[in-house]
Amino acid sequence: KLSHKRFIKHETLINPCDVKISNNNLFVLTDTNPCLHLFTLAGEKITSLITKGPKMQVENSYFFCLDADSNILISDTQSHQIKVFNQKGNLIDIIGKPGDQKGLLNKPRGIALTKSNNLICV
């Protein structure tokens, strides 16, 4: 049986759109900035990562996943790319180019990694 309770303490998240748990931490992506928030499993905020800022690292995002090394992959629908960040929130790679042909990305949304580290993007 599943139960519901308020989990995140002392934090208001505007437009949360995706959530993941990894290494006893809770990751919550909001589409307002966008911004990725990191919490303990007890609901205490650790930090905010990957905010929209002067470098425009992420322009518009709703989904993310984590790889085996805890790198963060975020689908950016505005730039038509998958942005890869390390655990400190630094951009380390950009995957994809915009387009409608095979192998190109057009407003990527949901993303996932297989156990063999193959990226699935819809």
PDB file of N, CA and C in Angstrom:
ATOM      1  N   LYS A   1       0.844  -1.183   0.000  1.00  0.00           N
ATOM      2  CA  LYS A   1       0.000   0.000   0.000  1.00  0.00           C
ATOM      3  C   LYS A   1       0.888   1.246   0.000  1.00  0.00           C
ATOM      4  N   LEU A   2       0.573   2.170  -0.879  1.00  0.00           N
ATOM      5  CA  LEU A   2       1.308   3.430  -0.949  1.00  0.00           C
ATOM      6  C   LEU A   2       0.657   4.456  -0.045  1.00  0.00           C
ATOM      7  N   SER A   3       1.478   5.308   0.520  1.00  0.00           N
ATOM      8  CA  SER A   3       0.935   6.396   1.335  1.00  0.00           C
ATOM      9  C   SER A   3       1.521   7.712   0.849  1.00  0.00           C
ATOM     10  N   HIS A   4       0.877   8.789   1.199  1.00  0.00           N
ATOM     11  CA  HIS A   4       1.303  10.111   0.772  1.00  0.00           C
ATOM     12  C   HIS A   4       1.570  10.965   2.003  1.00  0.00           C
ATOM     13  N   LYS A   5       2.653  11.706   1.963  1.00  0.00           N
ATOM     14  CA  LYS A   5       2.924  12.681   3.012  1.00  0.00           C
ATOM     15  C   LYS A   5       3.766  13.800   2.437  1.00  0.00           C
ATOM     16  N   ARG A   6       3.726  14.940   3.084  1.00  0.00           N
ATOM     17  CA  ARG A   6       4.568  16.050   2.650  1.00  0.00           C
ATOM     18  C   ARG A   6       6.007  15.665   2.943  1.00  0.00           C
ATOM     19  N   PHE A   7       6.831  15.712   1.939  1.00  0.00           N
ATOM     20  CA  PHE A   7       8.172  15.181   2.078  1.00  0.00           C
ATOM     21  C   PHE A   7       9.227  16.266   2.216  1.00  0.00           C
ATOM     22  N   ILE A   8       9.180  17.259   1.375  1.00  0.00           N
ATOM     23  CA  ILE A   8      10.231  18.275   1.343  1.00  0.00           C
ATOM     24  C   ILE A   8       9.913  19.350   2.369  1.00  0.00           C
ATOM     25  N   LYS A   9      10.873  19.608   3.228  1.00  0.00           N
ATOM     26  CA  LYS A   9      10.688  20.553   4.319  1.00  0.00           C
ATOM     27  C   LYS A   9      11.174  21.949   3.934  1.00  0.00           C
ATOM     28  N   HIS A  10      10.445  22.954   4.338  1.00  0.00           N
ATOM     29  CA  HIS A  10      10.870  24.350   4.233  1.00  0.00           C
ATOM     30  C   HIS A  10      11.260  24.751   2.812  1.00  0.00           C
ATOM     31  N   GLU A  11      10.576  24.238   1.838  1.00  0.00           N
ATOM     32  CA  GLU A  11      10.920  24.567   0.457  1.00  0.00           C
ATOM     33  C   GLU A  11       9.652  24.568  -0.376  1.00  0.00           C
ATOM     34  N   THR A  12       9.478  25.585  -1.162  1.00  0.00           N
ATOM     35  CA  THR A  12       8.377  25.619  -2.101  1.00  0.00           C
ATOM     36  C   THR A  12       8.947  25.402  -3.491  1.00  0.00           C
ATOM     37  N   LEU A  13       8.505  24.351  -4.149  1.00  0.00           N
ATOM     38  CA  LEU A  13       8.961  24.054  -5.496  1.00  0.00           C
ATOM     39  C   LEU A  13       7.870  24.477  -6.468  1.00  0.00           C
ATOM     40  N   ILE A  14       8.214  25.358  -7.381  1.00  0.00           N
ATOM     41  CA  ILE A  14       7.249  25.848  -8.353  1.00  0.00           C
ATOM     42  C   ILE A  14       7.357  25.006  -9.616  1.00  0.00           C
ATOM     43  N   ASN A  15       6.264  24.402 -10.005  1.00  0.00           N
ATOM     44  CA  ASN A  15       6.170  23.560 -11.197  1.00  0.00           C
ATOM     45  C   ASN A  15       7.163  22.401 -11.212  1.00  0.00           C
ATOM     46  N   PRO A  16       7.167  21.555 -10.184  1.00  0.00           N
ATOM     47  CA  PRO A  16       8.020  20.367 -10.258  1.00  0.00           C
ATOM     48  C   PRO A  16       7.527  19.470 -11.387  1.00  0.00           C
ATOM     49  N   CYS A  17       8.445  18.890 -12.152  1.00  0.00           N
ATOM     50  CA  CYS A  17       8.023  18.109 -13.312  1.00  0.00           C
ATOM     51  C   CYS A  17       8.660  16.729 -13.386  1.00  0.00           C
ATOM     52  N   ASP A  18       9.725  16.466 -12.646  1.00  0.00           N
ATOM     53  CA  ASP A  18      10.324  15.134 -12.655  1.00  0.00           C
ATOM     54  C   ASP A  18      11.078  14.932 -11.349  1.00  0.00           C
ATOM     55  N   VAL A  19      11.165  13.665 -10.922  1.00  0.00           N
ATOM     56  CA  VAL A  19      11.818  13.345  -9.659  1.00  0.00           C
ATOM     57  C   VAL A  19      12.551  12.015  -9.797  1.00  0.00           C
ATOM     58  N   LYS A  20      13.699  11.890  -9.154  1.00  0.00           N
ATOM     59  CA  LYS A  20      14.479  10.656  -9.134  1.00  0.00           C
ATOM     60  C   LYS A  20      15.123  10.508  -7.765  1.00  0.00           C
ATOM     61  N   ILE A  21      15.398   9.264  -7.385  1.00  0.00           N
ATOM     62  CA  ILE A  21      16.143   8.978  -6.164  1.00  0.00           C
ATOM     63  C   ILE A  21      17.406   8.233  -6.560  1.00  0.00           C
ATOM     64  N   SER A  22      18.546   8.690  -6.040  1.00  0.00           N
ATOM     65  CA  SER A  22      19.828   8.052  -6.322  1.00  0.00           C
ATOM     66  C   SER A  22      20.782   8.323  -5.174  1.00  0.00           C
ATOM     67  N   ASN A  23      21.530   7.302  -4.774  1.00  0.00           N
ATOM     68  CA  ASN A  23      22.531   7.452  -3.706  1.00  0.00           C
ATOM     69  C   ASN A  23      21.958   8.124  -2.458  1.00  0.00           C
ATOM     70  N   ASN A  24      20.748   7.717  -2.067  1.00  0.00           N
ATOM     71  CA  ASN A  24      20.084   8.262  -0.882  1.00  0.00           C
ATOM     72  C   ASN A  24      19.830   9.762  -0.958  1.00  0.00           C
ATOM     73  N   ASN A  25      19.684  10.277  -2.176  1.00  0.00           N
ATOM     74  CA  ASN A  25      19.323  11.673  -2.385  1.00  0.00           C
ATOM     75  C   ASN A  25      18.106  11.742  -3.290  1.00  0.00           C
ATOM     76  N   LEU A  26      17.329  12.796  -3.122  1.00  0.00           N
ATOM     77  CA  LEU A  26      16.161  13.042  -3.945  1.00  0.00           C
ATOM     78  C   LEU A  26      16.465  14.209  -4.872  1.00  0.00           C
ATOM     79  N   PHE A  27      16.282  14.000  -6.177  1.00  0.00           N
ATOM     80  CA  PHE A  27      16.478  15.035  -7.182  1.00  0.00           C
ATOM     81  C   PHE A  27      15.117  15.460  -7.698  1.00  0.00           C
ATOM     82  N   VAL A  28      14.843  16.776  -7.704  1.00  0.00           N
ATOM     83  CA  VAL A  28      13.564  17.285  -8.207  1.00  0.00           C
ATOM     84  C   VAL A  28      13.858  18.361  -9.246  1.00  0.00           C
ATOM     85  N   LEU A  29      13.334  18.147 -10.464  1.00  0.00           N
ATOM     86  CA  LEU A  29      13.489  19.117 -11.540  1.00  0.00           C
ATOM     87  C   LEU A  29      12.248  19.988 -11.604  1.00  0.00           C
ATOM     88  N   THR A  30      12.449  21.301 -11.636  1.00  0.00           N
ATOM     89  CA  THR A  30      11.341  22.229 -11.823  1.00  0.00           C
ATOM     90  C   THR A  30      11.505  22.886 -13.191  1.00  0.00           C
ATOM     91  N   ASP A  31      10.380  23.214 -13.824  1.00  0.00           N
ATOM     92  CA  ASP A  31      10.476  23.825 -15.148  1.00  0.00           C
ATOM     93  C   ASP A  31      10.399  25.336 -15.106  1.00  0.00           C
ATOM     94  N   THR A  32      10.313  25.917 -13.935  1.00  0.00           N
ATOM     95  CA  THR A  32      10.184  27.365 -13.813  1.00  0.00           C
ATOM     96  C   THR A  32      11.455  28.077 -14.247  1.00  0.00           C
ATOM     97  N   ASN A  33      12.595  27.639 -13.786  1.00  0.00           N
ATOM     98  CA  ASN A  33      13.850  28.317 -14.119  1.00  0.00           C
ATOM     99  C   ASN A  33      14.536  27.791 -15.374  1.00  0.00           C
ATOM    100  N   PRO A  34      14.727  26.565 -15.707  1.00  0.00           N
ATOM    101  CA  PRO A  34      14.576  25.351 -14.909  1.00  0.00           C
ATOM    102  C   PRO A  34      15.679  25.212 -13.875  1.00  0.00           C
ATOM    103  N   CYS A  35      15.451  24.351 -12.912  1.00  0.00           N
ATOM    104  CA  CYS A  35      16.416  24.156 -11.855  1.00  0.00           C
ATOM    105  C   CYS A  35      16.288  22.735 -11.323  1.00  0.00           C
ATOM    106  N   LEU A  36      17.404  22.130 -10.972  1.00  0.00           N
ATOM    107  CA  LEU A  36      17.406  20.814 -10.362  1.00  0.00           C
ATOM    108  C   LEU A  36      17.765  20.984  -8.899  1.00  0.00           C
ATOM    109  N   HIS A  37      16.865  20.556  -8.021  1.00  0.00           N
ATOM    110  CA  HIS A  37      17.053  20.684  -6.583  1.00  0.00           C
ATOM    111  C   HIS A  37      17.465  19.333  -6.022  1.00  0.00           C
ATOM    112  N   LEU A  38      18.369  19.335  -5.067  1.00  0.00           N
ATOM    113  CA  LEU A  38      18.863  18.113  -4.446  1.00  0.00           C
ATOM    114  C   LEU A  38      18.500  18.138  -2.959  1.00  0.00           C
ATOM    115  N   PHE A  39      17.853  17.047  -2.484  1.00  0.00           N
ATOM    116  CA  PHE A  39      17.415  16.922  -1.101  1.00  0.00           C
ATOM    117  C   PHE A  39      17.920  15.609  -0.518  1.00  0.00           C
ATOM    118  N   THR A  40      18.014  15.559   0.798  1.00  0.00           N
ATOM    119  CA  THR A  40      18.243  14.283   1.471  1.00  0.00           C
ATOM    120  C   THR A  40      16.927  13.512   1.448  1.00  0.00           C
ATOM    121  N   LEU A  41      16.976  12.232   1.756  1.00  0.00           N
ATOM    122  CA  LEU A  41      15.745  11.458   1.822  1.00  0.00           C
ATOM    123  C   LEU A  41      14.888  11.851   3.018  1.00  0.00           C
ATOM    124  N   ALA A  42      15.459  12.621   3.937  1.00  0.00           N
ATOM    125  CA  ALA A  42      14.683  13.162   5.056  1.00  0.00           C
ATOM    126  C   ALA A  42      13.974  14.459   4.666  1.00  0.00           C
ATOM    127  N   GLY A  43      14.212  14.946   3.434  1.00  0.00           N
ATOM    128  CA  GLY A  43      13.539  16.134   2.947  1.00  0.00           C
ATOM    129  C   GLY A  43      14.270  17.435   3.169  1.00  0.00           C
ATOM    130  N   GLU A  44      15.502  17.386   3.649  1.00  0.00           N
ATOM    131  CA  GLU A  44      16.288  18.606   3.861  1.00  0.00           C
ATOM    132  C   GLU A  44      17.011  18.983   2.578  1.00  0.00           C
ATOM    133  N   LYS A  45      16.942  20.265   2.216  1.00  0.00           N
ATOM    134  CA  LYS A  45      17.583  20.723   0.983  1.00  0.00           C
ATOM    135  C   LYS A  45      19.103  20.707   1.124  1.00  0.00           C
ATOM    136  N   ILE A  46      19.768  20.150   0.113  1.00  0.00           N
ATOM    137  CA  ILE A  46      21.226  20.153   0.062  1.00  0.00           C
ATOM    138  C   ILE A  46      21.705  21.326  -0.782  1.00  0.00           C
ATOM    139  N   THR A  47      21.171  21.422  -2.015  1.00  0.00           N
ATOM    140  CA  THR A  47      21.590  22.494  -2.910  1.00  0.00           C
ATOM    141  C   THR A  47      20.648  22.555  -4.109  1.00  0.00           C
ATOM    142  N   SER A  48      20.838  23.570  -4.920  1.00  0.00           N
ATOM    143  CA  SER A  48      20.175  23.674  -6.222  1.00  0.00           C
ATOM    144  C   SER A  48      21.256  23.663  -7.282  1.00  0.00           C
ATOM    145  N   LEU A  49      21.035  22.890  -8.316  1.00  0.00           N
ATOM    146  CA  LEU A  49      21.999  22.752  -9.400  1.00  0.00           C
ATOM    147  C   LEU A  49      21.377  23.169 -10.719  1.00  0.00           C
ATOM    148  N   ILE A  50      22.196  23.464 -11.673  1.00  0.00           N
ATOM    149  CA  ILE A  50      21.782  23.611 -13.064  1.00  0.00           C
ATOM    150  C   ILE A  50      20.628  24.596 -13.201  1.00  0.00           C
ATOM    151  N   THR A  51      20.873  25.823 -12.866  1.00  0.00           N
ATOM    152  CA  THR A  51      19.842  26.838 -12.998  1.00  0.00           C
ATOM    153  C   THR A  51      19.992  27.557 -14.329  1.00  0.00           C
ATOM    154  N   LYS A  52      18.894  28.098 -14.788  1.00  0.00           N
ATOM    155  CA  LYS A  52      18.932  28.913 -16.003  1.00  0.00           C
ATOM    156  C   LYS A  52      19.633  30.208 -15.643  1.00  0.00           C
ATOM    157  N   GLY A  53      20.645  30.532 -16.374  1.00  0.00           N
ATOM    158  CA  GLY A  53      21.411  31.713 -16.022  1.00  0.00           C
ATOM    159  C   GLY A  53      22.059  32.330 -17.235  1.00  0.00           C
ATOM    160  N   PRO A  54      23.109  33.130 -16.998  1.00  0.00           N
ATOM    161  CA  PRO A  54      23.736  33.858 -18.106  1.00  0.00           C
ATOM    162  C   PRO A  54      24.315  32.938 -19.180  1.00  0.00           C
ATOM    163  N   LYS A  55      24.714  31.736 -18.787  1.00  0.00           N
ATOM    164  CA  LYS A  55      25.266  30.809 -19.780  1.00  0.00           C
ATOM    165  C   LYS A  55      24.171  30.017 -20.482  1.00  0.00           C
ATOM    166  N   MET A  56      22.912  30.140 -20.004  1.00  0.00           N
ATOM    167  CA  MET A  56      21.775  29.442 -20.605  1.00  0.00           C
ATOM    168  C   MET A  56      22.066  27.958 -20.782  1.00  0.00           C
ATOM    169  N   GLN A  57      22.552  27.321 -19.722  1.00  0.00           N
ATOM    170  CA  GLN A  57      22.897  25.911 -19.808  1.00  0.00           C
ATOM    171  C   GLN A  57      21.699  25.049 -20.164  1.00  0.00           C
ATOM    172  N   VAL A  58      20.548  25.329 -19.563  1.00  0.00           N
ATOM    173  CA  VAL A  58      19.314  24.618 -19.878  1.00  0.00           C
ATOM    174  C   VAL A  58      18.241  25.666 -20.119  1.00  0.00           C
ATOM    175  N   GLU A  59      17.590  25.587 -21.266  1.00  0.00           N
ATOM    176  CA  GLU A  59      16.605  26.600 -21.609  1.00  0.00           C
ATOM    177  C   GLU A  59      15.184  26.187 -21.241  1.00  0.00           C
ATOM    178  N   ASN A  60      14.821  24.928 -21.502  1.00  0.00           N
ATOM    179  CA  ASN A  60      13.462  24.486 -21.234  1.00  0.00           C
ATOM    180  C   ASN A  60      13.487  22.970 -21.053  1.00  0.00           C
ATOM    181  N   SER A  61      13.151  22.500 -19.875  1.00  0.00           N
ATOM    182  CA  SER A  61      13.290  21.080 -19.601  1.00  0.00           C
ATOM    183  C   SER A  61      12.190  20.560 -18.705  1.00  0.00           C
ATOM    184  N   TYR A  62      11.830  19.284 -18.924  1.00  0.00           N
ATOM    185  CA  TYR A  62      10.809  18.636 -18.111  1.00  0.00           C
ATOM    186  C   TYR A  62      11.244  17.275 -17.580  1.00  0.00           C
ATOM    187  N   PHE A  63      12.288  16.678 -18.161  1.00  0.00           N
ATOM    188  CA  PHE A  63      12.680  15.327 -17.791  1.00  0.00           C
ATOM    189  C   PHE A  63      14.187  15.205 -17.675  1.00  0.00           C
ATOM    190  N   PHE A  64      14.616  14.272 -16.802  1.00  0.00           N
ATOM    191  CA  PHE A  64      16.035  14.007 -16.648  1.00  0.00           C
ATOM    192  C   PHE A  64      16.228  12.563 -16.211  1.00  0.00           C
ATOM    193  N   CYS A  65      17.466  12.098 -16.286  1.00  0.00           N
ATOM    194  CA  CYS A  65      17.831  10.791 -15.748  1.00  0.00           C
ATOM    195  C   CYS A  65      19.259  10.879 -15.230  1.00  0.00           C
ATOM    196  N   LEU A  66      19.667   9.859 -14.504  1.00  0.00           N
ATOM    197  CA  LEU A  66      21.003   9.802 -13.920  1.00  0.00           C
ATOM    198  C   LEU A  66      21.719   8.582 -14.483  1.00  0.00           C
ATOM    199  N   ASP A  67      23.011   8.742 -14.808  1.00  0.00           N
ATOM    200  CA  ASP A  67      23.763   7.589 -15.296  1.00  0.00           C
ATOM    201  C   ASP A  67      24.442   6.872 -14.130  1.00  0.00           C
ATOM    202  N   ALA A  68      25.198   5.834 -14.444  1.00  0.00           N
ATOM    203  CA  ALA A  68      25.836   5.011 -13.408  1.00  0.00           C
ATOM    204  C   ALA A  68      26.840   5.795 -12.578  1.00  0.00           C
ATOM    205  N   ASP A  69      27.384   6.882 -13.131  1.00  0.00           N
ATOM    206  CA  ASP A  69      28.347   7.719 -12.407  1.00  0.00           C
ATOM    207  C   ASP A  69      27.674   8.898 -11.712  1.00  0.00           C
ATOM    208  N   SER A  70      26.338   8.890 -11.669  1.00  0.00           N
ATOM    209  CA  SER A  70      25.531   9.967 -11.087  1.00  0.00           C
ATOM    210  C   SER A  70      25.632  11.272 -11.857  1.00  0.00           C
ATOM    211  N   ASN A  71      26.043  11.206 -13.130  1.00  0.00           N
ATOM    212  CA  ASN A  71      25.938  12.377 -13.992  1.00  0.00           C
ATOM    213  C   ASN A  71      24.456  12.580 -14.298  1.00  0.00           C
ATOM    214  N   ILE A  72      24.084  13.825 -14.542  1.00  0.00           N
ATOM    215  CA  ILE A  72      22.689  14.199 -14.737  1.00  0.00           C
ATOM    216  C   ILE A  72      22.475  14.523 -16.213  1.00  0.00           C
ATOM    217  N   LEU A  73      21.553  13.825 -16.850  1.00  0.00           N
ATOM    218  CA  LEU A  73      21.208  14.073 -18.244  1.00  0.00           C
ATOM    219  C   LEU A  73      19.839  14.737 -18.273  1.00  0.00           C
ATOM    220  N   ILE A  74      19.767  15.914 -18.876  1.00  0.00           N
ATOM    221  CA  ILE A  74      18.514  16.674 -18.926  1.00  0.00           C
ATOM    222  C   ILE A  74      18.125  16.897 -20.381  1.00  0.00           C
ATOM    223  N   SER A  75      16.869  16.584 -20.711  1.00  0.00           N
ATOM    224  CA  SER A  75      16.383  16.855 -22.067  1.00  0.00           C
ATOM    225  C   SER A  75      15.984  18.327 -22.143  1.00  0.00           C
ATOM    226  N   ASP A  76      16.582  19.039 -23.080  1.00  0.00           N
ATOM    227  CA  ASP A  76      16.323  20.467 -23.265  1.00  0.00           C
ATOM    228  C   ASP A  76      15.508  20.632 -24.550  1.00  0.00           C
ATOM    229  N   THR A  77      14.207  20.877 -24.386  1.00  0.00           N
ATOM    230  CA  THR A  77      13.327  20.938 -25.548  1.00  0.00           C
ATOM    231  C   THR A  77      13.559  22.171 -26.414  1.00  0.00           C
ATOM    232  N   GLN A  78      14.075  23.240 -25.834  1.00  0.00           N
ATOM    233  CA  GLN A  78      14.287  24.469 -26.611  1.00  0.00           C
ATOM    234  C   GLN A  78      15.537  24.383 -27.483  1.00  0.00           C
ATOM    235  N   SER A  79      16.606  23.789 -26.959  1.00  0.00           N
ATOM    236  CA  SER A  79      17.839  23.685 -27.753  1.00  0.00           C
ATOM    237  C   SER A  79      17.880  22.379 -28.552  1.00  0.00           C
ATOM    238  N   HIS A  80      16.887  21.490 -28.332  1.00  0.00           N
ATOM    239  CA  HIS A  80      16.816  20.200 -29.042  1.00  0.00           C
ATOM    240  C   HIS A  80      18.055  19.354 -28.757  1.00  0.00           C
ATOM    241  N   GLN A  81      18.451  19.314 -27.494  1.00  0.00           N
ATOM    242  CA  GLN A  81      19.658  18.589 -27.094  1.00  0.00           C
ATOM    243  C   GLN A  81      19.454  17.920 -25.748  1.00  0.00           C
ATOM    244  N   ILE A  82      20.350  16.987 -25.437  1.00  0.00           N
ATOM    245  CA  ILE A  82      20.439  16.415 -24.100  1.00  0.00           C
ATOM    246  C   ILE A  82      21.698  17.003 -23.479  1.00  0.00           C
ATOM    247  N   LYS A  83      21.547  17.669 -22.344  1.00  0.00           N
ATOM    248  CA  LYS A  83      22.691  18.277 -21.663  1.00  0.00           C
ATOM    249  C   LYS A  83      23.119  17.346 -20.530  1.00  0.00           C
ATOM    250  N   VAL A  84      24.426  17.131 -20.408  1.00  0.00           N
ATOM    251  CA  VAL A  84      24.975  16.238 -19.389  1.00  0.00           C
ATOM    252  C   VAL A  84      25.779  17.071 -18.393  1.00  0.00           C
ATOM    253  N   PHE A  85      25.463  16.892 -17.100  1.00  0.00           N
ATOM    254  CA  PHE A  85      26.121  17.633 -16.034  1.00  0.00           C
ATOM    255  C   PHE A  85      26.736  16.653 -15.045  1.00  0.00           C
ATOM    256  N   ASN A  86      27.856  17.068 -14.437  1.00  0.00           N
ATOM    257  CA  ASN A  86      28.423  16.233 -13.376  1.00  0.00           C
ATOM    258  C   ASN A  86      27.663  16.485 -12.076  1.00  0.00           C
ATOM    259  N   GLN A  87      28.093  15.824 -11.013  1.00  0.00           N
ATOM    260  CA  GLN A  87      27.397  15.915  -9.724  1.00  0.00           C
ATOM    261  C   GLN A  87      27.453  17.308  -9.109  1.00  0.00           C
ATOM    262  N   LYS A  88      28.384  18.143  -9.564  1.00  0.00           N
ATOM    263  CA  LYS A  88      28.482  19.504  -9.048  1.00  0.00           C
ATOM    264  C   LYS A  88      27.656  20.487  -9.870  1.00  0.00           C
ATOM    265  N   GLY A  89      27.021  19.983 -10.938  1.00  0.00           N
ATOM    266  CA  GLY A  89      26.192  20.845 -11.769  1.00  0.00           C
ATOM    267  C   GLY A  89      26.921  21.493 -12.922  1.00  0.00           C
ATOM    268  N   ASN A  90      28.153  21.059 -13.192  1.00  0.00           N
ATOM    269  CA  ASN A  90      28.914  21.619 -14.307  1.00  0.00           C
ATOM    270  C   ASN A  90      28.574  20.887 -15.598  1.00  0.00           C
ATOM    271  N   LEU A  91      28.342  21.640 -16.667  1.00  0.00           N
ATOM    272  CA  LEU A  91      28.058  21.060 -17.971  1.00  0.00           C
ATOM    273  C   LEU A  91      29.297  20.333 -18.475  1.00  0.00           C
ATOM    274  N   ILE A  92      29.150  19.029 -18.787  1.00  0.00           N
ATOM    275  CA  ILE A  92      30.307  18.259 -19.249  1.00  0.00           C
ATOM    276  C   ILE A  92      30.130  17.698 -20.661  1.00  0.00           C
ATOM    277  N   ASP A  93      28.897  17.708 -21.181  1.00  0.00           N
ATOM    278  CA  ASP A  93      28.693  17.188 -22.533  1.00  0.00           C
ATOM    279  C   ASP A  93      27.334  17.649 -23.047  1.00  0.00           C
ATOM    280  N   ILE A  94      27.222  17.709 -24.361  1.00  0.00           N
ATOM    281  CA  ILE A  94      25.963  18.005 -25.034  1.00  0.00           C
ATOM    282  C   ILE A  94      25.753  16.926 -26.083  1.00  0.00           C
ATOM    283  N   ILE A  95      24.589  16.298 -26.039  1.00  0.00           N
ATOM    284  CA  ILE A  95      24.271  15.214 -26.956  1.00  0.00           C
ATOM    285  C   ILE A  95      23.179  15.673 -27.911  1.00  0.00           C
ATOM    286  N   GLY A  96      23.391  15.455 -29.196  1.00  0.00           N
ATOM    287  CA  GLY A  96      22.358  15.692 -30.193  1.00  0.00           C
ATOM    288  C   GLY A  96      22.428  17.032 -30.879  1.00  0.00           C
ATOM    289  N   LYS A  97      21.748  17.050 -32.016  1.00  0.00           N
ATOM    290  CA  LYS A  97      21.602  18.266 -32.819  1.00  0.00           C
ATOM    291  C   LYS A  97      20.145  18.351 -33.242  1.00  0.00           C
ATOM    292  N   PRO A  98      19.638  19.582 -33.449  1.00  0.00           N
ATOM    293  CA  PRO A  98      18.230  19.718 -33.812  1.00  0.00           C
ATOM    294  C   PRO A  98      17.943  19.244 -35.239  1.00  0.00           C
ATOM    295  N   GLY A  99      16.757  18.667 -35.412  1.00  0.00           N
ATOM    296  CA  GLY A  99      16.323  18.266 -36.740  1.00  0.00           C
ATOM    297  C   GLY A  99      15.246  17.211 -36.697  1.00  0.00           C
ATOM    298  N   ASP A 100      14.653  16.933 -37.850  1.00  0.00           N
ATOM    299  CA  ASP A 100      13.576  15.952 -37.960  1.00  0.00           C
ATOM    300  C   ASP A 100      14.035  14.626 -38.551  1.00  0.00           C
ATOM    301  N   GLN A 101      15.262  14.554 -39.030  1.00  0.00           N
ATOM    302  CA  GLN A 101      15.745  13.321 -39.633  1.00  0.00           C
ATOM    303  C   GLN A 101      16.227  12.337 -38.570  1.00  0.00           C
ATOM    304  N   LYS A 102      16.432  11.096 -39.010  1.00  0.00           N
ATOM    305  CA  LYS A 102      16.912  10.036 -38.126  1.00  0.00           C
ATOM    306  C   LYS A 102      18.226  10.450 -37.454  1.00  0.00           C
ATOM    307  N   GLY A 103      18.285  10.251 -36.144  1.00  0.00           N
ATOM    308  CA  GLY A 103      19.492  10.589 -35.390  1.00  0.00           C
ATOM    309  C   GLY A 103      19.542  12.011 -34.867  1.00  0.00           C
ATOM    310  N   LEU A 104      18.600  12.848 -35.281  1.00  0.00           N
ATOM    311  CA  LEU A 104      18.538  14.227 -34.813  1.00  0.00           C
ATOM    312  C   LEU A 104      17.402  14.359 -33.798  1.00  0.00           C
ATOM    313  N   LEU A 105      17.423  15.416 -33.015  1.00  0.00           N
ATOM    314  CA  LEU A 105      16.428  15.592 -31.951  1.00  0.00           C
ATOM    315  C   LEU A 105      15.484  16.744 -32.263  1.00  0.00           C
ATOM    316  N   ASN A 106      14.202  16.524 -32.001  1.00  0.00           N
ATOM    317  CA  ASN A 106      13.195  17.556 -32.169  1.00  0.00           C
ATOM    318  C   ASN A 106      12.372  17.631 -30.881  1.00  0.00           C
ATOM    319  N   LYS A 107      12.706  18.601 -30.039  1.00  0.00           N
ATOM    320  CA  LYS A 107      12.049  18.798 -28.739  1.00  0.00           C
ATOM    321  C   LYS A 107      12.038  17.524 -27.907  1.00  0.00           C
ATOM    322  N   PRO A 108      13.206  17.027 -27.535  1.00  0.00           N
ATOM    323  CA  PRO A 108      13.259  15.793 -26.737  1.00  0.00           C
ATOM    324  C   PRO A 108      12.555  15.981 -25.399  1.00  0.00           C
ATOM    325  N   ARG A 109      11.829  14.975 -25.000  1.00  0.00           N
ATOM    326  CA  ARG A 109      11.096  15.018 -23.729  1.00  0.00           C
ATOM    327  C   ARG A 109      11.658  13.964 -22.792  1.00  0.00           C
ATOM    328  N   GLY A 110      10.945  12.855 -22.659  1.00  0.00           N
ATOM    329  CA  GLY A 110      11.359  11.806 -21.738  1.00  0.00           C
ATOM    330  C   GLY A 110      12.662  11.154 -22.154  1.00  0.00           C
ATOM    331  N   ILE A 111      13.521  10.899 -21.175  1.00  0.00           N
ATOM    332  CA  ILE A 111      14.790  10.238 -21.448  1.00  0.00           C
ATOM    333  C   ILE A 111      15.039   9.172 -20.379  1.00  0.00           C
ATOM    334  N   ALA A 112      15.774   8.144 -20.788  1.00  0.00           N
ATOM    335  CA  ALA A 112      16.131   7.064 -19.869  1.00  0.00           C
ATOM    336  C   ALA A 112      17.402   6.421 -20.383  1.00  0.00           C
ATOM    337  N   LEU A 113      18.107   5.759 -19.477  1.00  0.00           N
ATOM    338  CA  LEU A 113      19.301   4.994 -19.837  1.00  0.00           C
ATOM    339  C   LEU A 113      19.046   3.524 -19.571  1.00  0.00           C
ATOM    340  N   THR A 114      19.478   2.671 -20.498  1.00  0.00           N
ATOM    341  CA  THR A 114      19.382   1.234 -20.277  1.00  0.00           C
ATOM    342  C   THR A 114      20.514   0.812 -19.348  1.00  0.00           C
ATOM    343  N   LYS A 115      20.483  -0.432 -18.895  1.00  0.00           N
ATOM    344  CA  LYS A 115      21.548  -0.939 -18.024  1.00  0.00           C
ATOM    345  C   LYS A 115      22.896  -0.924 -18.724  1.00  0.00           C
ATOM    346  N   SER A 116      22.892  -1.030 -20.054  1.00  0.00           N
ATOM    347  CA  SER A 116      24.152  -0.978 -20.811  1.00  0.00           C
ATOM    348  C   SER A 116      24.508   0.446 -21.233  1.00  0.00           C
ATOM    349  N   ASN A 117      23.852   1.451 -20.621  1.00  0.00           N
ATOM    350  CA  ASN A 117      24.157   2.867 -20.800  1.00  0.00           C
ATOM    351  C   ASN A 117      23.781   3.407 -22.174  1.00  0.00           C
ATOM    352  N   ASN A 118      22.788   2.810 -22.829  1.00  0.00           N
ATOM    353  CA  ASN A 118      22.265   3.348 -24.074  1.00  0.00           C
ATOM    354  C   ASN A 118      21.160   4.351 -23.746  1.00  0.00           C
ATOM    355  N   LEU A 119      21.209   5.510 -24.390  1.00  0.00           N
ATOM    356  CA  LEU A 119      20.240   6.570 -24.128  1.00  0.00           C
ATOM    357  C   LEU A 119      18.983   6.354 -24.976  1.00  0.00           C
ATOM    358  N   ILE A 120      17.827   6.413 -24.332  1.00  0.00           N
ATOM    359  CA  ILE A 120      16.542   6.354 -25.012  1.00  0.00           C
ATOM    360  C   ILE A 120      15.896   7.715 -24.828  1.00  0.00           C
ATOM    361  N   CYS A 121      15.475   8.305 -25.925  1.00  0.00           N
ATOM    362  CA  CYS A 121      14.917   9.647 -25.888  1.00  0.00           C
ATOM    363  C   CYS A 121      13.646   9.673 -26.730  1.00  0.00           C
ATOM    364  N   VAL A 122      12.579  10.251 -26.175  1.00  0.00           N
ATOM    365  CA  VAL A 122      11.319  10.381 -26.921  1.00  0.00           C
ATOM    366  C   VAL A 122      10.911  11.848 -26.997  1.00  0.00           C
TER     367      VAL A 122
END
